[in-house]
Protein backbone atom coordinates (compact mmCIF):
# COMPACT_ATOMS: atom_id res chain seq x y z
CA UNK A 1 49.14 -29.56 -41.36
CA UNK A 2 46.99 -27.07 -38.99
CA UNK A 3 47.03 -29.21 -36.40
CA UNK A 4 51.05 -29.21 -36.45
CA UNK A 5 50.91 -25.30 -36.84
CA UNK A 6 48.96 -25.24 -33.66
CA UNK A 7 51.27 -28.04 -31.97
CA UNK A 8 54.08 -25.42 -32.93
CA UNK A 9 52.42 -22.74 -30.88
CA UNK A 10 52.06 -24.78 -28.22
CA UNK A 11 48.22 -25.34 -28.86
CA UNK A 12 47.19 -29.02 -28.03
CA UNK A 13 43.82 -28.79 -27.57
CA UNK A 14 41.43 -30.06 -30.11
CA UNK A 15 39.76 -27.70 -33.10
CA UNK A 16 36.35 -28.60 -32.31
CA UNK A 17 36.80 -27.77 -28.12
CA UNK A 18 38.44 -24.55 -29.31
CA UNK A 19 35.40 -23.36 -31.80
CA UNK A 20 33.37 -24.59 -28.86
CA UNK A 21 35.15 -22.18 -26.34
CA UNK A 22 35.52 -19.37 -29.20
CA UNK A 23 31.70 -19.63 -30.04
CA UNK A 24 31.93 -20.36 -33.25
CA UNK A 25 29.37 -22.21 -35.10
CA UNK A 26 32.09 -23.89 -37.56
CA UNK A 27 32.88 -27.22 -38.11
CA UNK A 28 36.75 -28.33 -37.84
CA UNK A 29 36.43 -29.11 -41.82
CA UNK A 30 35.07 -25.81 -42.36
CA UNK A 31 37.64 -23.74 -40.49
CA UNK A 32 40.30 -25.73 -41.94
CA UNK A 33 38.73 -24.65 -45.36
CA UNK A 34 38.83 -21.11 -44.53
CA UNK A 35 42.63 -21.13 -43.20
CA UNK A 36 43.26 -23.03 -46.40
CA UNK A 37 41.43 -20.35 -48.54
CA UNK A 38 43.52 -17.39 -46.74
CA UNK A 39 46.88 -18.92 -47.09
CA UNK A 40 46.30 -19.52 -51.04
CA UNK A 41 45.26 -16.15 -51.24
CA UNK A 42 47.92 -14.71 -49.66
CA UNK A 43 50.27 -17.22 -51.66
CA UNK A 44 48.61 -15.49 -54.91
CA UNK A 45 49.01 -11.75 -53.75
CA UNK A 46 52.79 -12.21 -52.64
CA UNK A 47 53.90 -14.13 -55.62
CA UNK A 48 52.04 -11.50 -57.63
CA UNK A 49 54.26 -8.87 -55.78
CA UNK A 50 57.31 -10.93 -56.51
CA UNK A 51 56.78 -11.20 -59.99
CA UNK A 52 55.97 -7.30 -60.00
CA UNK A 53 59.25 -6.53 -57.52
CA UNK A 54 61.50 -9.10 -58.68
CA UNK A 55 63.75 -9.48 -55.15
CA UNK A 56 66.56 -11.78 -55.10
CA UNK A 57 65.89 -15.65 -55.09
CA UNK A 58 66.45 -16.07 -51.43
CA UNK A 59 63.84 -13.44 -49.94
CA UNK A 60 61.18 -14.65 -52.65
CA UNK A 61 61.20 -18.12 -51.37
CA UNK A 62 60.95 -16.84 -47.69
CA UNK A 63 58.11 -14.51 -48.62
CA UNK A 64 56.48 -17.18 -50.98
CA UNK A 65 56.90 -19.65 -48.26
CA UNK A 66 56.64 -17.69 -45.20
CA UNK A 67 53.71 -15.32 -46.20
CA UNK A 68 51.22 -18.26 -46.07
CA UNK A 69 52.63 -19.75 -43.29
CA UNK A 70 52.04 -16.30 -41.37
CA UNK A 71 48.70 -16.29 -42.56
CA UNK A 72 47.52 -19.63 -41.15
CA UNK A 73 49.26 -18.71 -37.55
CA UNK A 74 47.44 -15.60 -37.22
CA UNK A 75 44.06 -17.42 -38.24
CA UNK A 76 44.96 -20.14 -35.39
CA UNK A 77 45.88 -16.96 -33.04
CA UNK A 78 42.76 -15.28 -33.55
CA UNK A 79 40.96 -18.89 -32.41
CA UNK A 80 42.55 -18.70 -29.31
CA UNK A 81 42.13 -14.98 -28.48
CA UNK A 82 38.68 -15.06 -29.02
CA UNK A 83 38.27 -18.41 -26.84
CA UNK A 84 39.95 -16.31 -24.48
CA UNK A 85 37.64 -12.98 -24.57
CA UNK A 86 34.56 -15.53 -24.67
CA UNK A 87 36.47 -17.74 -21.34
CA UNK A 88 36.80 -14.10 -19.73
CA UNK A 89 33.17 -13.03 -20.62
CA UNK A 90 31.82 -16.25 -18.88
CA UNK A 91 34.14 -15.60 -15.55
CA UNK A 92 32.39 -11.98 -15.42
CA UNK A 93 28.65 -13.31 -15.93
CA UNK A 94 28.86 -16.52 -13.97
CA UNK A 95 28.83 -15.34 -10.58
CA UNK A 96 25.30 -13.18 -11.68
CA UNK A 97 23.99 -16.55 -13.19
CA UNK A 98 25.32 -18.67 -9.99
CA UNK A 99 23.05 -16.33 -8.07
CA UNK A 100 19.62 -16.54 -9.78
CA UNK A 101 20.13 -20.22 -10.03
CA UNK A 102 20.06 -19.79 -6.12
CA UNK A 103 17.12 -18.05 -6.29
CA UNK A 104 15.25 -19.81 -8.70
CA UNK A 105 15.98 -23.28 -6.77
CA UNK A 106 15.44 -21.67 -3.54
CA UNK A 107 11.93 -21.15 -4.28
CA UNK A 108 11.65 -24.79 -5.21
CA UNK A 109 12.02 -25.11 -8.86
CA UNK A 110 14.04 -28.42 -10.15
CA UNK A 111 17.42 -27.55 -11.73
CA UNK A 112 16.10 -28.43 -15.34
CA UNK A 113 13.50 -25.70 -14.99
CA UNK A 114 15.61 -23.06 -13.25
CA UNK A 115 18.02 -24.12 -16.09
CA UNK A 116 15.60 -23.54 -18.95
CA UNK A 117 14.53 -20.30 -18.08
CA UNK A 118 17.78 -18.67 -17.58
CA UNK A 119 18.30 -19.80 -21.15
CA UNK A 120 15.01 -18.75 -22.37
CA UNK A 121 14.77 -15.26 -20.31
CA UNK A 122 18.58 -14.20 -19.91
CA UNK A 123 20.97 -12.75 -22.61
CA UNK A 124 24.87 -13.30 -22.76
CA UNK A 125 27.39 -15.87 -23.35
CA UNK A 126 26.27 -18.14 -20.08
CA UNK A 127 22.63 -18.23 -20.73
CA UNK A 128 23.85 -19.43 -24.37
CA UNK A 129 26.00 -22.08 -22.49
CA UNK A 130 23.17 -23.16 -20.89
CA UNK A 131 21.15 -23.58 -23.94
CA UNK A 132 22.88 -25.50 -25.11
CA UNK A 133 22.94 -27.79 -22.00
CA UNK A 134 19.18 -28.01 -21.88
CA UNK A 135 19.35 -28.93 -25.41
CA UNK A 136 21.62 -31.78 -24.71
CA UNK A 137 18.84 -32.59 -21.64
CA UNK A 138 16.22 -32.55 -24.17
CA UNK A 139 18.21 -35.30 -25.77
CA UNK A 140 17.99 -37.94 -23.18
CA UNK A 141 20.97 -37.01 -21.16
CA UNK A 142 20.76 -36.41 -17.30
CA UNK A 143 21.01 -32.38 -16.36
CA UNK A 144 24.20 -33.45 -14.26
CA UNK A 145 26.52 -35.60 -17.63
CA UNK A 146 25.39 -32.21 -19.78
CA UNK A 147 26.71 -29.81 -16.94
CA UNK A 148 29.55 -31.46 -16.78
CA UNK A 149 30.21 -31.98 -20.35
CA UNK A 150 29.97 -27.95 -20.29
CA UNK A 151 32.36 -27.84 -17.52
CA UNK A 152 34.94 -29.69 -19.60
CA UNK A 153 34.39 -27.64 -22.79
CA UNK A 154 34.69 -24.45 -20.74
CA UNK A 155 37.88 -25.19 -18.64
CA UNK A 156 36.87 -23.02 -16.01
CA UNK A 157 37.32 -23.58 -12.33
CA UNK A 158 34.75 -21.13 -11.28
CA UNK A 159 32.30 -23.22 -14.06
CA UNK A 160 34.12 -26.60 -12.27
CA UNK A 161 33.08 -25.49 -8.92
CA UNK A 162 29.06 -24.70 -9.40
CA UNK A 163 28.62 -27.67 -11.74
CA UNK A 164 30.30 -29.65 -9.06
CA UNK A 165 27.45 -28.11 -6.79
CA UNK A 166 25.04 -28.43 -9.23
CA UNK A 167 25.62 -32.21 -9.49
CA UNK A 168 24.42 -32.96 -5.66
CA UNK A 169 20.85 -31.50 -6.68
CA UNK A 170 19.14 -34.78 -5.87
CA UNK A 171 20.84 -34.98 -2.10
CA UNK A 172 21.30 -31.48 -0.94
CA UNK A 173 18.24 -30.04 0.66
CA UNK A 174 19.50 -26.50 0.76
CA UNK A 175 21.07 -26.19 -2.40
CA UNK A 176 19.90 -22.13 -2.66
CA UNK A 177 22.32 -21.85 -0.08
CA UNK A 178 24.90 -24.14 -1.04
CA UNK A 179 24.70 -22.20 -4.76
CA UNK A 180 24.42 -18.74 -3.04
CA UNK A 181 27.69 -19.27 -1.28
CA UNK A 182 29.17 -20.51 -4.38
CA UNK A 183 28.34 -17.47 -6.29
CA UNK A 184 29.88 -15.04 -3.57
CA UNK A 185 32.87 -17.51 -4.05
CA UNK A 186 33.33 -16.81 -7.39
CA UNK A 187 32.40 -13.21 -7.40
CA UNK A 188 35.55 -12.89 -5.07
CA UNK A 189 37.86 -14.86 -7.33
CA UNK A 190 36.50 -12.76 -10.25
CA UNK A 191 37.21 -9.61 -8.38
CA UNK A 192 40.92 -10.87 -7.10
CA UNK A 193 41.88 -11.65 -10.51
CA UNK A 194 40.47 -8.43 -11.61
CA UNK A 195 42.42 -6.13 -9.01
CA UNK A 196 45.45 -8.36 -10.31
CA UNK A 197 44.70 -7.15 -13.45
CA UNK A 198 44.76 -3.73 -12.94
CA UNK A 199 47.73 -4.02 -10.35
CA UNK A 200 49.54 -5.42 -13.69
CA UNK A 201 48.87 -2.56 -15.99
CA UNK A 202 49.55 -0.01 -13.40
CA UNK A 203 52.83 -1.39 -12.98
CA UNK A 204 53.23 -1.45 -16.88
CA UNK A 205 52.37 2.09 -16.95
CA UNK A 206 55.89 3.45 -14.79
CA UNK A 207 58.20 1.36 -17.57
CA UNK A 208 57.96 4.48 -19.88
CA UNK A 209 57.89 6.82 -16.96
CA UNK A 210 61.18 5.16 -15.66
CA UNK A 211 62.66 4.69 -19.15
CA UNK A 212 62.23 8.90 -19.94
CA UNK A 213 63.27 9.73 -16.56
CA UNK A 214 66.79 7.76 -16.51
CA UNK A 215 67.51 8.17 -19.83
CA UNK A 216 67.94 12.30 -19.80
CA UNK A 217 69.64 11.85 -16.14
CA UNK A 218 72.30 9.12 -17.52
CA UNK A 219 73.26 11.46 -20.07
CA UNK A 220 73.85 14.53 -18.12
CA UNK A 221 75.98 12.12 -15.73
CA UNK A 222 77.67 10.66 -19.06
CA UNK A 223 78.42 14.28 -20.72
CA UNK A 224 80.87 15.23 -17.84
CA UNK A 225 81.90 11.37 -17.16
CA UNK A 226 83.32 11.70 -20.76
CA UNK A 227 84.80 14.39 -20.69
CA UNK A 228 86.88 13.68 -17.57
CA UNK A 229 87.99 10.83 -18.84
CA UNK A 230 89.13 12.45 -21.64
CA UNK A 231 90.83 15.12 -19.88
CA UNK A 232 92.76 12.23 -17.36
CA UNK A 233 93.79 10.70 -20.59
CA UNK A 234 95.41 13.75 -22.22
């Protein structure tokens, strides 16, 4: 039922992937149990309110059915909001982490050692994600496979491009320079996205200003127009 609600909201990503993107340690079963508990608690509170107030039967049915579903939908939306916020943080931190990787690799460290150092000595969301990558490598996976899984999980074009560069670490002789170039490209993309966001917010500011200007103007124009029409109509 939770999956049906998510699909109704246009969310088709598996729940375990969305939980990982939001940085939650919950399993899908734990999340669904929490969602069900919130819906049942809402149903209990709504039932008590219906019994106390005594609204008409149609209104009672709508409240009893709609309130739990609304809480379940809000839980799904909260998860999506957390995942989007975490993704925005990744986009902001990624250029700095990429530059650090370029410096470490340029100094002669291997890719695994560079990832481990950033994961241990840095804070932030990207460092946490790289710590998971290092953990997977210690379990026997290659750096390339673990990084590609990270790129698929984050679903970020910037992360995907960085991982594509890191995937050739055994073949490229000037990987540090390549990563530094990619870091500049990621920073430029992040800057463009920030400028677009600022421009959109600046445009939204003019909406109430325009409305506040047009409404009095329409009133001032409309009053003499109505009077003139009344005079013509007799």
